[in-house]
Amino acid sequence: MQQQQMQYAFSSRVIDYVWFYALVLSELTARYYAYCPPHDYRLYARLRPP
C-alpha cells in the first residue's frame, strides 16, 4: 500500500515538472518571437500547408 502511494506521488511530481517546463518553454518562446520576429518564414511555410 505504501509502495503504491510512493509511486503515485513520484509520477504526479514528474507530471508537475514536465508541465512547468513546458509552460516556461512556451513563455520563453513567445517572448523571443515578440522581441525578435523571425525574418525567415520558410519554417512556417513548411509546417503549415498552403
PDB file of N, CA and C in Angstrom:
ATOM      1  N   MET A   1       0.841  -1.211   0.000  1.00  0.00           N
ATOM      2  CA  MET A   1       0.000   0.000   0.000  1.00  0.00           C
ATOM      3  C   MET A   1       0.871   1.254   0.000  1.00  0.00           C
ATOM      4  N   GLN A   2       1.875   1.249   0.846  1.00  0.00           N
ATOM      5  CA  GLN A   2       2.759   2.420   0.918  1.00  0.00           C
ATOM      6  C   GLN A   2       3.569   2.563  -0.370  1.00  0.00           C
ATOM      7  N   GLN A   3       3.960   1.450  -0.939  1.00  0.00           N
ATOM      8  CA  GLN A   3       4.757   1.494  -2.166  1.00  0.00           C
ATOM      9  C   GLN A   3       3.929   2.107  -3.302  1.00  0.00           C
ATOM     10  N   GLN A   4       2.669   1.736  -3.393  1.00  0.00           N
ATOM     11  CA  GLN A   4       1.821   2.278  -4.452  1.00  0.00           C
ATOM     12  C   GLN A   4       1.621   3.786  -4.263  1.00  0.00           C
ATOM     13  N   GLN A   5       1.470   4.203  -3.030  1.00  0.00           N
ATOM     14  CA  GLN A   5       1.319   5.634  -2.744  1.00  0.00           C
ATOM     15  C   GLN A   5       2.581   6.397  -3.165  1.00  0.00           C
ATOM     16  N   MET A   6       3.748   5.827  -2.883  1.00  0.00           N
ATOM     17  CA  MET A   6       5.003   6.474  -3.239  1.00  0.00           C
ATOM     18  C   MET A   6       5.135   6.560  -4.757  1.00  0.00           C
ATOM     19  N   GLN A   7       4.763   5.497  -5.449  1.00  0.00           N
ATOM     20  CA  GLN A   7       4.845   5.502  -6.909  1.00  0.00           C
ATOM     21  C   GLN A   7       3.911   6.569  -7.493  1.00  0.00           C
ATOM     22  N   TYR A   8       2.725   6.699  -6.947  1.00  0.00           N
ATOM     23  CA  TYR A   8       1.781   7.700  -7.440  1.00  0.00           C
ATOM     24  C   TYR A   8       2.303   9.112  -7.185  1.00  0.00           C
ATOM     25  N   ALA A   9       2.895   9.328  -6.015  1.00  0.00           N
ATOM     26  CA  ALA A   9       3.442  10.644  -5.701  1.00  0.00           C
ATOM     27  C   ALA A   9       4.589  10.980  -6.658  1.00  0.00           C
ATOM     28  N   PHE A  10       5.434  10.002  -6.954  1.00  0.00           N
ATOM     29  CA  PHE A  10       6.557  10.241  -7.866  1.00  0.00           C
ATOM     30  C   PHE A  10       6.049  10.580  -9.267  1.00  0.00           C
ATOM     31  N   SER A  11       5.050   9.849  -9.749  1.00  0.00           N
ATOM     32  CA  SER A  11       4.547  10.102 -11.100  1.00  0.00           C
ATOM     33  C   SER A  11       3.869  11.468 -11.185  1.00  0.00           C
ATOM     34  N   SER A  12       3.139  11.857 -10.142  1.00  0.00           N
ATOM     35  CA  SER A  12       2.487  13.166 -10.168  1.00  0.00           C
ATOM     36  C   SER A  12       3.525  14.278 -10.121  1.00  0.00           C
ATOM     37  N   ARG A  13       4.610  14.062  -9.384  1.00  0.00           N
ATOM     38  CA  ARG A  13       5.667  15.075  -9.335  1.00  0.00           C
ATOM     39  C   ARG A  13       6.348  15.209 -10.699  1.00  0.00           C
ATOM     40  N   VAL A  14       6.558  14.094 -11.370  1.00  0.00           N
ATOM     41  CA  VAL A  14       7.164  14.153 -12.707  1.00  0.00           C
ATOM     42  C   VAL A  14       6.247  14.897 -13.668  1.00  0.00           C
ATOM     43  N   ILE A  15       4.953  14.647 -13.568  1.00  0.00           N
ATOM     44  CA  ILE A  15       3.999  15.342 -14.435  1.00  0.00           C
ATOM     45  C   ILE A  15       4.022  16.841 -14.140  1.00  0.00           C
ATOM     46  N   ASP A  16       4.130  17.194 -12.850  1.00  0.00           N
ATOM     47  CA  ASP A  16       4.219  18.612 -12.491  1.00  0.00           C
ATOM     48  C   ASP A  16       5.474  19.252 -13.079  1.00  0.00           C
ATOM     49  N   TYR A  17       6.598  18.551 -13.006  1.00  0.00           N
ATOM     50  CA  TYR A  17       7.838  19.103 -13.546  1.00  0.00           C
ATOM     51  C   TYR A  17       7.744  19.283 -15.059  1.00  0.00           C
ATOM     52  N   VAL A  18       7.170  18.291 -15.740  1.00  0.00           N
ATOM     53  CA  VAL A  18       7.046  18.375 -17.202  1.00  0.00           C
ATOM     54  C   VAL A  18       6.121  19.521 -17.591  1.00  0.00           C
ATOM     55  N   TRP A  19       5.031  19.685 -16.843  1.00  0.00           N
ATOM     56  CA  TRP A  19       4.084  20.769 -17.130  1.00  0.00           C
ATOM     57  C   TRP A  19       4.745  22.133 -16.916  1.00  0.00           C
ATOM     58  N   PHE A  20       5.494  22.265 -15.822  1.00  0.00           N
ATOM     59  CA  PHE A  20       6.168  23.528 -15.538  1.00  0.00           C
ATOM     60  C   PHE A  20       7.213  23.836 -16.605  1.00  0.00           C
ATOM     61  N   TYR A  21       7.964  22.806 -17.044  1.00  0.00           N
ATOM     62  CA  TYR A  21       8.986  23.012 -18.072  1.00  0.00           C
ATOM     63  C   TYR A  21       8.355  23.431 -19.391  1.00  0.00           C
ATOM     64  N   ALA A  22       7.231  22.814 -19.742  1.00  0.00           N
ATOM     65  CA  ALA A  22       6.553  23.182 -20.991  1.00  0.00           C
ATOM     66  C   ALA A  22       6.021  24.608 -20.920  1.00  0.00           C
ATOM     67  N   LEU A  23       5.513  24.989 -19.736  1.00  0.00           N
ATOM     68  CA  LEU A  23       4.982  26.343 -19.559  1.00  0.00           C
ATOM     69  C   LEU A  23       6.103  27.377 -19.711  1.00  0.00           C
ATOM     70  N   VAL A  24       7.240  27.131 -19.057  1.00  0.00           N
ATOM     71  CA  VAL A  24       8.368  28.065 -19.145  1.00  0.00           C
ATOM     72  C   VAL A  24       8.909  28.120 -20.575  1.00  0.00           C
ATOM     73  N   LEU A  25       8.966  26.972 -21.233  1.00  0.00           N
ATOM     74  CA  LEU A  25       9.491  26.941 -22.593  1.00  0.00           C
ATOM     75  C   LEU A  25       8.586  27.718 -23.544  1.00  0.00           C
ATOM     76  N   SER A  26       7.276  27.553 -23.388  1.00  0.00           N
ATOM     77  CA  SER A  26       6.356  28.287 -24.255  1.00  0.00           C
ATOM     78  C   SER A  26       6.424  29.787 -23.970  1.00  0.00           C
ATOM     79  N   GLU A  27       6.573  30.151 -22.700  1.00  0.00           N
ATOM     80  CA  GLU A  27       6.680  31.577 -22.342  1.00  0.00           C
ATOM     81  C   GLU A  27       7.946  32.187 -22.947  1.00  0.00           C
ATOM     82  N   LEU A  28       9.063  31.464 -22.837  1.00  0.00           N
ATOM     83  CA  LEU A  28      10.313  31.979 -23.400  1.00  0.00           C
ATOM     84  C   LEU A  28      10.228  32.077 -24.922  1.00  0.00           C
ATOM     85  N   THR A  29       9.592  31.101 -25.548  1.00  0.00           N
ATOM     86  CA  THR A  29       9.457  31.141 -26.998  1.00  0.00           C
ATOM     87  C   THR A  29       8.587  32.316 -27.429  1.00  0.00           C
ATOM     88  N   ALA A  30       7.505  32.557 -26.681  1.00  0.00           N
ATOM     89  CA  ALA A  30       6.620  33.674 -27.022  1.00  0.00           C
ATOM     90  C   ALA A  30       7.361  35.005 -26.868  1.00  0.00           C
ATOM     91  N   ARG A  31       8.127  35.146 -25.797  1.00  0.00           N
ATOM     92  CA  ARG A  31       8.870  36.390 -25.602  1.00  0.00           C
ATOM     93  C   ARG A  31       9.958  36.556 -26.658  1.00  0.00           C
ATOM     94  N   TYR A  32      10.610  35.451 -27.033  1.00  0.00           N
ATOM     95  CA  TYR A  32      11.660  35.540 -28.057  1.00  0.00           C
ATOM     96  C   TYR A  32      11.072  35.991 -29.391  1.00  0.00           C
ATOM     97  N   TYR A  33       9.920  35.420 -29.764  1.00  0.00           N
ATOM     98  CA  TYR A  33       9.318  35.808 -31.038  1.00  0.00           C
ATOM     99  C   TYR A  33       8.692  37.193 -30.957  1.00  0.00           C
ATOM    100  N   ALA A  34       8.332  37.652 -29.737  1.00  0.00           N
ATOM    101  CA  ALA A  34       7.782  39.003 -29.604  1.00  0.00           C
ATOM    102  C   ALA A  34       8.896  40.043 -29.757  1.00  0.00           C
ATOM    103  N   TYR A  35      10.072  39.750 -29.187  1.00  0.00           N
ATOM    104  CA  TYR A  35      11.180  40.712 -29.249  1.00  0.00           C
ATOM    105  C   TYR A  35      11.995  40.559 -30.529  1.00  0.00           C
ATOM    106  N   CYS A  36      12.158  39.324 -30.999  1.00  0.00           N
ATOM    107  CA  CYS A  36      12.952  39.079 -32.201  1.00  0.00           C
ATOM    108  C   CYS A  36      12.088  38.335 -33.214  1.00  0.00           C
ATOM    109  N   PRO A  37      11.319  39.056 -34.025  1.00  0.00           N
ATOM    110  CA  PRO A  37      10.474  38.376 -35.008  1.00  0.00           C
ATOM    111  C   PRO A  37      11.337  37.696 -36.075  1.00  0.00           C
ATOM    112  N   PRO A  38      11.003  36.485 -36.439  1.00  0.00           N
ATOM    113  CA  PRO A  38      11.814  35.767 -37.432  1.00  0.00           C
ATOM    114  C   PRO A  38      11.658  36.382 -38.818  1.00  0.00           C
ATOM    115  N   HIS A  39      12.765  36.545 -39.502  1.00  0.00           N
ATOM    116  CA  HIS A  39      12.738  37.095 -40.855  1.00  0.00           C
ATOM    117  C   HIS A  39      12.602  35.995 -41.891  1.00  0.00           C
ATOM    118  N   ASP A  40      12.702  34.744 -41.448  1.00  0.00           N
ATOM    119  CA  ASP A  40      12.632  33.628 -42.380  1.00  0.00           C
ATOM    120  C   ASP A  40      11.337  32.870 -42.107  1.00  0.00           C
ATOM    121  N   TYR A  41      10.404  32.932 -43.047  1.00  0.00           N
ATOM    122  CA  TYR A  41       9.106  32.295 -42.846  1.00  0.00           C
ATOM    123  C   TYR A  41       9.015  30.944 -43.550  1.00  0.00           C
ATOM    124  N   ARG A  42      10.161  30.402 -43.954  1.00  0.00           N
ATOM    125  CA  ARG A  42      10.122  29.101 -44.622  1.00  0.00           C
ATOM    126  C   ARG A  42       9.732  27.996 -43.657  1.00  0.00           C
ATOM    127  N   LEU A  43      10.087  28.170 -42.368  1.00  0.00           N
ATOM    128  CA  LEU A  43       9.714  27.170 -41.380  1.00  0.00           C
ATOM    129  C   LEU A  43       8.193  27.118 -41.235  1.00  0.00           C
ATOM    130  N   TYR A  44       7.559  28.283 -41.178  1.00  0.00           N
ATOM    131  CA  TYR A  44       6.102  28.328 -41.082  1.00  0.00           C
ATOM    132  C   TYR A  44       5.466  27.762 -42.353  1.00  0.00           C
ATOM    133  N   ALA A  45       6.065  28.076 -43.493  1.00  0.00           N
ATOM    134  CA  ALA A  45       5.524  27.577 -44.745  1.00  0.00           C
ATOM    135  C   ALA A  45       5.646  26.053 -44.819  1.00  0.00           C
ATOM    136  N   ARG A  46       6.727  25.519 -44.243  1.00  0.00           N
ATOM    137  CA  ARG A  46       6.927  24.083 -44.275  1.00  0.00           C
ATOM    138  C   ARG A  46       5.977  23.388 -43.292  1.00  0.00           C
ATOM    139  N   LEU A  47       5.753  24.034 -42.129  1.00  0.00           N
ATOM    140  CA  LEU A  47       4.886  23.412 -41.128  1.00  0.00           C
ATOM    141  C   LEU A  47       3.419  23.501 -41.536  1.00  0.00           C
ATOM    142  N   ARG A  48       3.002  24.675 -41.994  1.00  0.00           N
ATOM    143  CA  ARG A  48       1.595  24.860 -42.352  1.00  0.00           C
ATOM    144  C   ARG A  48       1.401  24.698 -43.854  1.00  0.00           C
ATOM    145  N   PRO A  49       0.573  23.752 -44.276  1.00  0.00           N
ATOM    146  CA  PRO A  49       0.357  23.578 -45.716  1.00  0.00           C
ATOM    147  C   PRO A  49      -0.401  24.770 -46.299  1.00  0.00           C
ATOM    148  N   PRO A  50      -0.113  25.134 -47.510  1.00  0.00           N
ATOM    149  CA  PRO A  50      -0.765  26.301 -48.126  1.00  0.00           C
ATOM    150  C   PRO A  50      -2.248  26.040 -48.421  1.00  0.00           C
TER     151      PRO A  50
END
